[in-house]
Amino acid sequence: MQKEIKVEIEPALLRVLNKIQNREPLMRNISGIMLDDVHENFEQEGRPAWRALSEKTIKDRQSKGYWPGKILQRTGQLLKSIISKYDNNSAQVGTNKNYAAIHQFGGTINQAARQNLFIHSRYTKGKKKGKFKKGTEFGRGSEIQAHTIKIPPRPFLVLSDSALREIEAEIRKYIHC
């Protein structure tokens, strides 16, 4: 006489099938992990560390009140522009800033020669107390030679190994019933 063992696997398979078809919650979690990791890249100034700013850039930032500060965070607009998106099929992190690519990948900017003219207005004190009237204008010109600016790559849209492991764990947790 042969004995039968019956295992009811259909409900478990249906749960797995439902999770595989409805991936949006998983993608939302993955995009959050990615966003946190990109923010951490800015906080740590790269992982591995980004190349330091040039002395000229530091001097320029100091004159404008942006130094000391962090690399790629002069005004904070690039960091603030990082967003995450997700749908049933994908999780994404990115930015819409047009200058982001040169910071991510590096590159060379070719500047053409140009002339600058600074116009100054001289005001003279009028007859009434505290009133000034416009007087003469004078200008001073300067010429800027053609030059190139080399931007080293400072990849900020990258994921660390720990983030990749966290994503893998999230996938396993999601599929596990």
N, C-alpha and C. Protein backbone atom coordinates (compact mmCIF):
# COMPACT_ATOMS: atom_id res chain seq x y z
N MET A 1 0.84 -1.17 0.00
CA MET A 1 0.00 0.00 0.00
C MET A 1 0.88 1.24 0.00
N GLN A 2 0.58 2.13 -0.87
CA GLN A 2 1.34 3.36 -1.04
C GLN A 2 0.63 4.51 -0.33
N LYS A 3 1.41 5.28 0.42
CA LYS A 3 0.84 6.43 1.11
C LYS A 3 1.13 7.69 0.32
N GLU A 4 0.24 8.62 0.40
CA GLU A 4 0.41 9.91 -0.28
C GLU A 4 0.62 11.01 0.73
N ILE A 5 1.49 11.92 0.34
CA ILE A 5 1.64 13.14 1.12
C ILE A 5 1.23 14.27 0.20
N LYS A 6 0.30 15.03 0.65
CA LYS A 6 -0.21 16.13 -0.16
C LYS A 6 0.21 17.44 0.49
N VAL A 7 0.86 18.28 -0.30
CA VAL A 7 1.30 19.59 0.19
C VAL A 7 0.56 20.64 -0.62
N GLU A 8 -0.04 21.55 0.07
CA GLU A 8 -0.81 22.61 -0.58
C GLU A 8 0.16 23.77 -0.86
N ILE A 9 0.64 23.88 -2.10
CA ILE A 9 1.58 24.96 -2.43
C ILE A 9 0.94 26.07 -3.25
N GLU A 10 -0.25 25.84 -3.73
CA GLU A 10 -0.88 26.84 -4.59
C GLU A 10 -1.03 28.20 -3.92
N PRO A 11 -1.51 28.31 -2.67
CA PRO A 11 -1.62 29.65 -2.04
C PRO A 11 -0.26 30.36 -1.95
N ALA A 12 0.80 29.62 -1.63
CA ALA A 12 2.13 30.23 -1.54
C ALA A 12 2.60 30.71 -2.90
N LEU A 13 2.36 29.91 -3.93
CA LEU A 13 2.75 30.33 -5.29
C LEU A 13 1.97 31.56 -5.73
N LEU A 14 0.71 31.63 -5.38
CA LEU A 14 -0.09 32.80 -5.73
C LEU A 14 0.43 34.06 -5.04
N ARG A 15 0.87 33.94 -3.79
CA ARG A 15 1.43 35.09 -3.07
C ARG A 15 2.72 35.57 -3.75
N VAL A 16 3.58 34.61 -4.12
CA VAL A 16 4.83 34.97 -4.79
C VAL A 16 4.52 35.61 -6.15
N LEU A 17 3.60 35.04 -6.90
CA LEU A 17 3.23 35.58 -8.21
C LEU A 17 2.68 36.99 -8.06
N ASN A 18 1.87 37.24 -7.07
CA ASN A 18 1.31 38.57 -6.84
C ASN A 18 2.42 39.59 -6.54
N LYS A 19 3.39 39.17 -5.72
CA LYS A 19 4.49 40.08 -5.38
C LYS A 19 5.36 40.36 -6.60
N ILE A 20 5.58 39.36 -7.42
CA ILE A 20 6.39 39.55 -8.62
C ILE A 20 5.69 40.49 -9.60
N GLN A 21 4.39 40.43 -9.68
CA GLN A 21 3.65 41.29 -10.60
C GLN A 21 3.48 42.71 -10.04
N ASN A 22 3.36 42.86 -8.74
CA ASN A 22 3.17 44.16 -8.11
C ASN A 22 4.46 44.57 -7.40
N ARG A 23 5.41 45.12 -8.16
CA ARG A 23 6.73 45.43 -7.63
C ARG A 23 6.88 46.87 -7.15
N GLU A 24 5.87 47.70 -7.28
CA GLU A 24 6.00 49.12 -6.94
C GLU A 24 6.45 49.35 -5.48
N PRO A 25 5.91 48.63 -4.49
CA PRO A 25 6.41 48.83 -3.13
C PRO A 25 7.91 48.52 -3.01
N LEU A 26 8.36 47.48 -3.68
CA LEU A 26 9.77 47.14 -3.68
C LEU A 26 10.59 48.25 -4.33
N MET A 27 10.14 48.74 -5.47
CA MET A 27 10.87 49.80 -6.18
C MET A 27 10.91 51.09 -5.37
N ARG A 28 9.85 51.39 -4.62
CA ARG A 28 9.83 52.57 -3.76
C ARG A 28 10.93 52.44 -2.70
N ASN A 29 11.04 51.28 -2.08
CA ASN A 29 12.07 51.05 -1.06
C ASN A 29 13.47 51.13 -1.65
N ILE A 30 13.65 50.55 -2.84
CA ILE A 30 14.96 50.59 -3.49
C ILE A 30 15.34 52.03 -3.84
N SER A 31 14.40 52.81 -4.37
CA SER A 31 14.73 54.20 -4.72
C SER A 31 15.09 55.00 -3.46
N GLY A 32 14.47 54.69 -2.34
CA GLY A 32 14.82 55.35 -1.08
C GLY A 32 16.23 55.00 -0.63
N ILE A 33 16.61 53.74 -0.76
CA ILE A 33 17.97 53.31 -0.43
C ILE A 33 18.97 54.04 -1.32
N MET A 34 18.66 54.10 -2.62
CA MET A 34 19.54 54.77 -3.57
C MET A 34 19.70 56.26 -3.23
N LEU A 35 18.59 56.92 -2.94
CA LEU A 35 18.62 58.35 -2.62
C LEU A 35 19.46 58.60 -1.36
N ASP A 36 19.26 57.80 -0.33
CA ASP A 36 20.05 57.94 0.89
C ASP A 36 21.54 57.77 0.61
N ASP A 37 21.89 56.82 -0.25
CA ASP A 37 23.29 56.55 -0.54
C ASP A 37 23.91 57.69 -1.33
N VAL A 38 23.18 58.27 -2.27
CA VAL A 38 23.70 59.42 -3.03
C VAL A 38 23.89 60.62 -2.10
N HIS A 39 22.96 60.84 -1.19
CA HIS A 39 23.13 61.93 -0.22
C HIS A 39 24.38 61.69 0.64
N GLU A 40 24.64 60.44 0.97
CA GLU A 40 25.83 60.11 1.75
C GLU A 40 27.10 60.41 0.94
N ASN A 41 27.06 60.24 -0.38
CA ASN A 41 28.20 60.60 -1.22
C ASN A 41 28.53 62.07 -1.07
N PHE A 42 27.52 62.92 -1.05
CA PHE A 42 27.75 64.35 -0.86
C PHE A 42 28.28 64.63 0.54
N GLU A 43 27.72 63.97 1.54
CA GLU A 43 28.14 64.20 2.92
C GLU A 43 29.62 63.84 3.10
N GLN A 44 30.04 62.72 2.54
CA GLN A 44 31.42 62.27 2.70
C GLN A 44 32.35 62.81 1.61
N GLU A 45 31.80 63.58 0.69
CA GLU A 45 32.56 64.13 -0.44
C GLU A 45 33.24 63.02 -1.25
N GLY A 46 32.41 62.04 -1.59
CA GLY A 46 32.85 60.94 -2.43
C GLY A 46 33.26 59.72 -1.65
N ARG A 47 33.00 58.58 -2.27
CA ARG A 47 33.41 57.28 -1.72
C ARG A 47 33.85 56.41 -2.88
N PRO A 48 35.13 56.39 -3.26
CA PRO A 48 36.27 57.00 -2.59
C PRO A 48 36.26 58.53 -2.72
N ALA A 49 37.09 59.17 -1.91
CA ALA A 49 37.08 60.63 -1.81
C ALA A 49 37.31 61.29 -3.17
N TRP A 50 36.55 62.36 -3.41
CA TRP A 50 36.73 63.13 -4.64
C TRP A 50 38.04 63.89 -4.59
N ARG A 51 38.53 64.20 -5.78
CA ARG A 51 39.74 65.01 -5.88
C ARG A 51 39.48 66.38 -5.25
N ALA A 52 40.46 66.89 -4.54
CA ALA A 52 40.32 68.18 -3.85
C ALA A 52 40.13 69.30 -4.87
N LEU A 53 39.53 70.39 -4.41
CA LEU A 53 39.38 71.56 -5.26
C LEU A 53 40.74 72.19 -5.53
N SER A 54 40.86 72.83 -6.68
CA SER A 54 42.11 73.51 -7.01
C SER A 54 42.25 74.76 -6.13
N GLU A 55 43.48 75.21 -5.98
CA GLU A 55 43.73 76.43 -5.18
C GLU A 55 42.99 77.62 -5.77
N LYS A 56 42.93 77.68 -7.10
CA LYS A 56 42.21 78.79 -7.76
C LYS A 56 40.72 78.77 -7.41
N THR A 57 40.13 77.58 -7.42
CA THR A 57 38.71 77.45 -7.07
C THR A 57 38.47 77.82 -5.61
N ILE A 58 39.37 77.39 -4.74
CA ILE A 58 39.23 77.72 -3.31
C ILE A 58 39.33 79.23 -3.12
N LYS A 59 40.29 79.85 -3.80
CA LYS A 59 40.47 81.31 -3.69
C LYS A 59 39.22 82.04 -4.20
N ASP A 60 38.67 81.55 -5.33
CA ASP A 60 37.45 82.16 -5.88
C ASP A 60 36.29 82.01 -4.90
N ARG A 61 36.15 80.83 -4.33
CA ARG A 61 35.06 80.61 -3.35
C ARG A 61 35.23 81.48 -2.12
N GLN A 62 36.48 81.63 -1.66
CA GLN A 62 36.72 82.49 -0.50
C GLN A 62 36.29 83.92 -0.78
N SER A 63 36.61 84.41 -1.96
CA SER A 63 36.28 85.80 -2.30
C SER A 63 34.77 86.02 -2.38
N LYS A 64 34.02 84.94 -2.64
CA LYS A 64 32.57 85.05 -2.75
C LYS A 64 31.84 84.57 -1.49
N GLY A 65 32.60 84.18 -0.47
CA GLY A 65 32.00 83.77 0.79
C GLY A 65 31.49 82.34 0.82
N TYR A 66 31.96 81.50 -0.10
CA TYR A 66 31.53 80.10 -0.14
C TYR A 66 32.57 79.14 0.41
N TRP A 67 33.63 79.64 1.02
CA TRP A 67 34.66 78.76 1.55
C TRP A 67 35.01 79.22 2.94
N PRO A 68 35.21 78.33 3.88
CA PRO A 68 35.25 76.89 3.72
C PRO A 68 33.87 76.31 3.42
N GLY A 69 33.91 75.19 2.77
CA GLY A 69 32.68 74.52 2.38
C GLY A 69 32.98 73.12 1.88
N LYS A 70 31.99 72.51 1.26
CA LYS A 70 32.15 71.15 0.77
C LYS A 70 32.22 71.14 -0.76
N ILE A 71 32.92 70.15 -1.28
CA ILE A 71 33.04 69.98 -2.72
C ILE A 71 31.65 69.69 -3.29
N LEU A 72 31.33 70.25 -4.44
CA LEU A 72 30.05 70.12 -5.15
C LEU A 72 28.88 70.70 -4.36
N GLN A 73 29.18 71.54 -3.36
CA GLN A 73 28.08 72.10 -2.57
C GLN A 73 28.27 73.60 -2.34
N ARG A 74 28.69 74.31 -3.38
CA ARG A 74 28.89 75.74 -3.22
C ARG A 74 27.60 76.42 -2.80
N THR A 75 26.52 76.19 -3.55
CA THR A 75 25.22 76.78 -3.19
C THR A 75 24.24 75.73 -2.69
N GLY A 76 24.55 74.47 -2.90
CA GLY A 76 23.66 73.39 -2.46
C GLY A 76 22.60 73.01 -3.48
N GLN A 77 22.58 73.69 -4.64
CA GLN A 77 21.53 73.41 -5.63
C GLN A 77 21.64 72.01 -6.22
N LEU A 78 22.85 71.54 -6.47
CA LEU A 78 23.00 70.22 -7.06
C LEU A 78 22.47 69.15 -6.11
N LEU A 79 22.85 69.21 -4.85
CA LEU A 79 22.38 68.25 -3.86
C LEU A 79 20.86 68.32 -3.72
N LYS A 80 20.31 69.52 -3.66
CA LYS A 80 18.85 69.68 -3.52
C LYS A 80 18.10 69.18 -4.74
N SER A 81 18.77 69.13 -5.89
CA SER A 81 18.09 68.71 -7.11
C SER A 81 18.00 67.19 -7.26
N ILE A 82 18.70 66.44 -6.42
CA ILE A 82 18.69 64.98 -6.52
C ILE A 82 17.32 64.47 -6.08
N ILE A 83 16.67 63.73 -6.96
CA ILE A 83 15.35 63.18 -6.66
C ILE A 83 15.33 61.69 -6.97
N SER A 84 14.35 61.02 -6.39
CA SER A 84 14.15 59.61 -6.70
C SER A 84 12.79 59.44 -7.35
N LYS A 85 12.72 58.46 -8.24
CA LYS A 85 11.46 58.11 -8.91
C LYS A 85 11.37 56.60 -8.95
N TYR A 86 10.14 56.12 -8.98
CA TYR A 86 9.95 54.67 -9.09
C TYR A 86 8.60 54.40 -9.73
N ASP A 87 8.49 53.22 -10.30
CA ASP A 87 7.22 52.70 -10.79
C ASP A 87 7.28 51.19 -10.62
N ASN A 88 6.42 50.48 -11.25
CA ASN A 88 6.38 49.02 -11.09
C ASN A 88 7.62 48.34 -11.64
N ASN A 89 8.32 48.98 -12.57
CA ASN A 89 9.44 48.33 -13.25
C ASN A 89 10.80 48.90 -12.95
N SER A 90 10.88 50.04 -12.27
CA SER A 90 12.19 50.65 -12.09
C SER A 90 12.24 51.53 -10.85
N ALA A 91 13.48 51.74 -10.39
CA ALA A 91 13.79 52.68 -9.32
C ALA A 91 14.93 53.54 -9.84
N GLN A 92 14.79 54.87 -9.72
CA GLN A 92 15.78 55.77 -10.29
C GLN A 92 16.13 56.88 -9.31
N VAL A 93 17.35 57.38 -9.44
CA VAL A 93 17.79 58.57 -8.73
C VAL A 93 18.53 59.41 -9.75
N GLY A 94 18.26 60.71 -9.77
CA GLY A 94 18.93 61.58 -10.74
C GLY A 94 18.71 63.04 -10.45
N THR A 95 19.15 63.87 -11.37
CA THR A 95 19.04 65.32 -11.26
C THR A 95 18.71 65.91 -12.62
N ASN A 96 18.12 67.09 -12.61
CA ASN A 96 17.83 67.77 -13.86
C ASN A 96 18.78 68.94 -14.10
N LYS A 97 19.81 69.09 -13.30
CA LYS A 97 20.76 70.18 -13.47
C LYS A 97 21.64 69.90 -14.69
N ASN A 98 21.73 70.89 -15.57
CA ASN A 98 22.48 70.68 -16.81
C ASN A 98 23.99 70.56 -16.58
N TYR A 99 24.50 71.03 -15.47
CA TYR A 99 25.93 70.95 -15.19
C TYR A 99 26.30 69.69 -14.41
N ALA A 100 25.33 68.86 -14.07
CA ALA A 100 25.59 67.67 -13.26
C ALA A 100 26.51 66.68 -13.98
N ALA A 101 26.34 66.52 -15.28
CA ALA A 101 27.11 65.51 -16.02
C ALA A 101 28.61 65.79 -15.96
N ILE A 102 29.01 67.05 -16.08
CA ILE A 102 30.45 67.32 -16.07
C ILE A 102 31.05 67.03 -14.70
N HIS A 103 30.27 67.19 -13.64
CA HIS A 103 30.77 66.84 -12.32
C HIS A 103 30.82 65.32 -12.14
N GLN A 104 29.83 64.63 -12.67
CA GLN A 104 29.77 63.17 -12.55
C GLN A 104 30.91 62.51 -13.33
N PHE A 105 31.11 62.95 -14.58
CA PHE A 105 32.05 62.27 -15.48
C PHE A 105 33.35 63.02 -15.71
N GLY A 106 33.40 64.30 -15.34
CA GLY A 106 34.58 65.12 -15.63
C GLY A 106 34.54 65.59 -17.07
N GLY A 107 35.44 66.47 -17.41
CA GLY A 107 35.51 66.96 -18.78
C GLY A 107 36.26 68.27 -18.87
N THR A 108 36.27 68.82 -20.08
CA THR A 108 36.97 70.06 -20.35
C THR A 108 35.99 71.08 -20.89
N ILE A 109 36.06 72.29 -20.37
CA ILE A 109 35.25 73.40 -20.86
C ILE A 109 36.18 74.34 -21.59
N ASN A 110 35.87 74.64 -22.85
CA ASN A 110 36.66 75.57 -23.64
C ASN A 110 36.01 76.94 -23.60
N GLN A 111 36.71 77.90 -23.02
CA GLN A 111 36.22 79.27 -22.92
C GLN A 111 36.86 80.10 -24.03
N ALA A 112 36.04 80.79 -24.80
CA ALA A 112 36.54 81.67 -25.86
C ALA A 112 37.06 82.96 -25.23
N ALA A 113 37.92 83.65 -25.95
CA ALA A 113 38.40 84.95 -25.50
C ALA A 113 37.22 85.92 -25.49
N ARG A 114 37.24 86.84 -24.54
CA ARG A 114 36.16 87.82 -24.46
C ARG A 114 36.65 89.06 -23.74
N GLN A 115 35.87 90.12 -23.88
CA GLN A 115 36.22 91.37 -23.22
C GLN A 115 35.13 91.70 -22.21
N ASN A 116 35.56 92.20 -21.09
CA ASN A 116 34.64 92.66 -20.06
C ASN A 116 34.75 94.16 -19.93
N LEU A 117 33.64 94.83 -19.76
CA LEU A 117 33.64 96.26 -19.51
C LEU A 117 32.85 96.50 -18.25
N PHE A 118 33.51 97.06 -17.27
CA PHE A 118 32.85 97.38 -16.01
C PHE A 118 32.50 98.86 -16.05
N ILE A 119 31.24 99.18 -15.91
CA ILE A 119 30.81 100.57 -15.92
C ILE A 119 30.47 100.98 -14.49
N HIS A 120 31.05 102.07 -14.08
CA HIS A 120 30.81 102.60 -12.74
C HIS A 120 30.08 103.93 -12.88
N SER A 121 29.10 104.14 -12.06
CA SER A 121 28.41 105.43 -12.02
C SER A 121 28.88 106.18 -10.79
N ARG A 122 29.20 107.44 -11.00
CA ARG A 122 29.62 108.28 -9.88
C ARG A 122 28.45 109.19 -9.52
N TYR A 123 28.07 109.14 -8.28
CA TYR A 123 26.96 109.96 -7.81
C TYR A 123 27.53 111.13 -7.01
N THR A 124 26.87 112.26 -7.17
CA THR A 124 27.28 113.45 -6.42
C THR A 124 26.15 113.84 -5.48
N LYS A 125 26.52 114.46 -4.38
CA LYS A 125 25.54 114.85 -3.39
C LYS A 125 24.74 116.04 -3.91
N GLY A 126 23.43 115.91 -3.80
CA GLY A 126 22.55 116.98 -4.26
C GLY A 126 22.36 118.04 -3.19
N LYS A 127 21.53 119.03 -3.50
CA LYS A 127 21.30 120.15 -2.58
C LYS A 127 20.51 119.71 -1.36
N LYS A 128 19.57 118.79 -1.54
CA LYS A 128 18.76 118.34 -0.41
C LYS A 128 19.55 117.32 0.40
N LYS A 129 19.34 117.35 1.70
CA LYS A 129 20.08 116.48 2.61
C LYS A 129 19.83 115.00 2.28
N GLY A 130 20.90 114.23 2.12
CA GLY A 130 20.80 112.80 1.88
C GLY A 130 20.41 112.42 0.46
N LYS A 131 20.24 113.36 -0.44
CA LYS A 131 19.86 113.06 -1.83
C LYS A 131 21.11 113.06 -2.72
N PHE A 132 21.15 112.12 -3.61
CA PHE A 132 22.26 112.03 -4.55
C PHE A 132 21.71 112.08 -5.96
N LYS A 133 22.49 112.66 -6.85
CA LYS A 133 22.09 112.66 -8.26
C LYS A 133 23.19 111.99 -9.07
N LYS A 134 22.75 111.39 -10.16
CA LYS A 134 23.68 110.66 -11.00
C LYS A 134 24.62 111.64 -11.68
N GLY A 135 25.89 111.32 -11.60
CA GLY A 135 26.89 112.18 -12.21
C GLY A 135 27.49 111.50 -13.43
N THR A 136 28.77 111.41 -13.45
CA THR A 136 29.46 110.87 -14.62
C THR A 136 29.55 109.35 -14.53
N GLU A 137 29.70 108.75 -15.68
CA GLU A 137 29.94 107.32 -15.76
C GLU A 137 31.31 107.09 -16.38
N PHE A 138 31.99 106.12 -15.90
CA PHE A 138 33.27 105.78 -16.49
C PHE A 138 33.39 104.27 -16.51
N GLY A 139 34.19 103.75 -17.40
CA GLY A 139 34.33 102.32 -17.54
C GLY A 139 35.78 101.88 -17.52
N ARG A 140 35.93 100.63 -17.25
CA ARG A 140 37.25 100.04 -17.27
C ARG A 140 37.10 98.68 -17.94
N GLY A 141 37.89 98.42 -18.93
CA GLY A 141 37.77 97.17 -19.66
C GLY A 141 38.90 96.22 -19.35
N SER A 142 38.64 94.98 -19.62
CA SER A 142 39.69 93.97 -19.49
C SER A 142 39.41 92.89 -20.52
N GLU A 143 40.47 92.21 -20.89
CA GLU A 143 40.34 91.13 -21.86
C GLU A 143 40.68 89.82 -21.18
N ILE A 144 39.83 88.83 -21.41
CA ILE A 144 40.06 87.50 -20.87
C ILE A 144 40.49 86.62 -22.04
N GLN A 145 41.65 86.03 -21.90
CA GLN A 145 42.19 85.18 -22.96
C GLN A 145 41.39 83.87 -23.06
N ALA A 146 41.43 83.27 -24.24
CA ALA A 146 40.83 81.94 -24.42
C ALA A 146 41.56 80.96 -23.49
N HIS A 147 40.79 80.08 -22.87
CA HIS A 147 41.40 79.11 -21.96
C HIS A 147 40.49 77.90 -21.80
N THR A 148 41.05 76.87 -21.20
CA THR A 148 40.26 75.67 -20.92
C THR A 148 40.20 75.46 -19.41
N ILE A 149 39.10 74.88 -18.99
CA ILE A 149 38.91 74.53 -17.58
C ILE A 149 38.74 73.02 -17.54
N LYS A 150 39.58 72.34 -16.79
CA LYS A 150 39.48 70.88 -16.67
C LYS A 150 38.78 70.55 -15.36
N ILE A 151 37.66 69.85 -15.47
CA ILE A 151 36.88 69.43 -14.32
C ILE A 151 37.14 67.94 -14.10
N PRO A 152 37.70 67.57 -12.94
CA PRO A 152 37.91 66.14 -12.70
C PRO A 152 36.58 65.46 -12.39
N PRO A 153 36.48 64.17 -12.68
CA PRO A 153 35.23 63.48 -12.34
C PRO A 153 35.07 63.39 -10.83
N ARG A 154 33.87 63.68 -10.38
CA ARG A 154 33.51 63.53 -8.97
C ARG A 154 32.16 62.81 -8.94
N PRO A 155 32.19 61.50 -9.15
CA PRO A 155 30.94 60.75 -9.28
C PRO A 155 30.11 60.76 -8.00
N PHE A 156 28.94 61.33 -8.11
CA PHE A 156 28.03 61.40 -6.96
C PHE A 156 26.84 60.48 -7.14
N LEU A 157 26.53 60.10 -8.37
CA LEU A 157 25.42 59.17 -8.65
C LEU A 157 25.97 57.75 -8.76
N VAL A 158 26.55 57.28 -7.67
CA VAL A 158 27.06 55.91 -7.59
C VAL A 158 26.55 55.30 -6.29
N LEU A 159 26.47 53.99 -6.29
CA LEU A 159 26.01 53.28 -5.10
C LEU A 159 27.17 52.53 -4.46
N SER A 160 27.23 52.59 -3.15
CA SER A 160 28.26 51.88 -2.41
C SER A 160 27.93 50.39 -2.38
N ASP A 161 28.92 49.59 -2.03
CA ASP A 161 28.70 48.15 -1.89
C ASP A 161 27.65 47.86 -0.82
N SER A 162 27.68 48.65 0.26
CA SER A 162 26.70 48.40 1.33
C SER A 162 25.29 48.71 0.85
N ALA A 163 25.12 49.71 0.00
CA ALA A 163 23.78 50.02 -0.54
C ALA A 163 23.33 48.89 -1.46
N LEU A 164 24.23 48.35 -2.25
CA LEU A 164 23.87 47.23 -3.13
C LEU A 164 23.46 46.01 -2.31
N ARG A 165 24.17 45.76 -1.21
CA ARG A 165 23.78 44.65 -0.34
C ARG A 165 22.42 44.91 0.31
N GLU A 166 22.17 46.16 0.67
CA GLU A 166 20.88 46.52 1.27
C GLU A 166 19.74 46.34 0.26
N ILE A 167 19.99 46.67 -0.99
CA ILE A 167 18.99 46.49 -2.04
C ILE A 167 18.72 45.00 -2.24
N GLU A 168 19.79 44.21 -2.27
CA GLU A 168 19.63 42.76 -2.42
C GLU A 168 18.82 42.18 -1.26
N ALA A 169 19.10 42.63 -0.06
CA ALA A 169 18.35 42.16 1.11
C ALA A 169 16.89 42.57 1.02
N GLU A 170 16.65 43.77 0.52
CA GLU A 170 15.28 44.26 0.36
C GLU A 170 14.51 43.40 -0.65
N ILE A 171 15.17 43.00 -1.71
CA ILE A 171 14.54 42.13 -2.72
C ILE A 171 14.20 40.78 -2.11
N ARG A 172 15.17 40.21 -1.38
CA ARG A 172 14.92 38.91 -0.74
C ARG A 172 13.78 39.00 0.24
N LYS A 173 13.75 40.05 1.03
CA LYS A 173 12.69 40.23 2.02
C LYS A 173 11.33 40.39 1.33
N TYR A 174 11.32 41.10 0.23
CA TYR A 174 10.07 41.34 -0.47
C TYR A 174 9.50 40.07 -1.08
N ILE A 175 10.36 39.27 -1.68
CA ILE A 175 9.89 38.04 -2.35
C ILE A 175 9.53 36.96 -1.33
N HIS A 176 10.23 36.95 -0.21
CA HIS A 176 9.96 35.93 0.80
C HIS A 176 8.53 36.14 1.35
N CYS A 177 7.78 35.09 1.40
CA CYS A 177 6.40 35.19 1.87
C CYS A 177 6.28 34.96 3.33
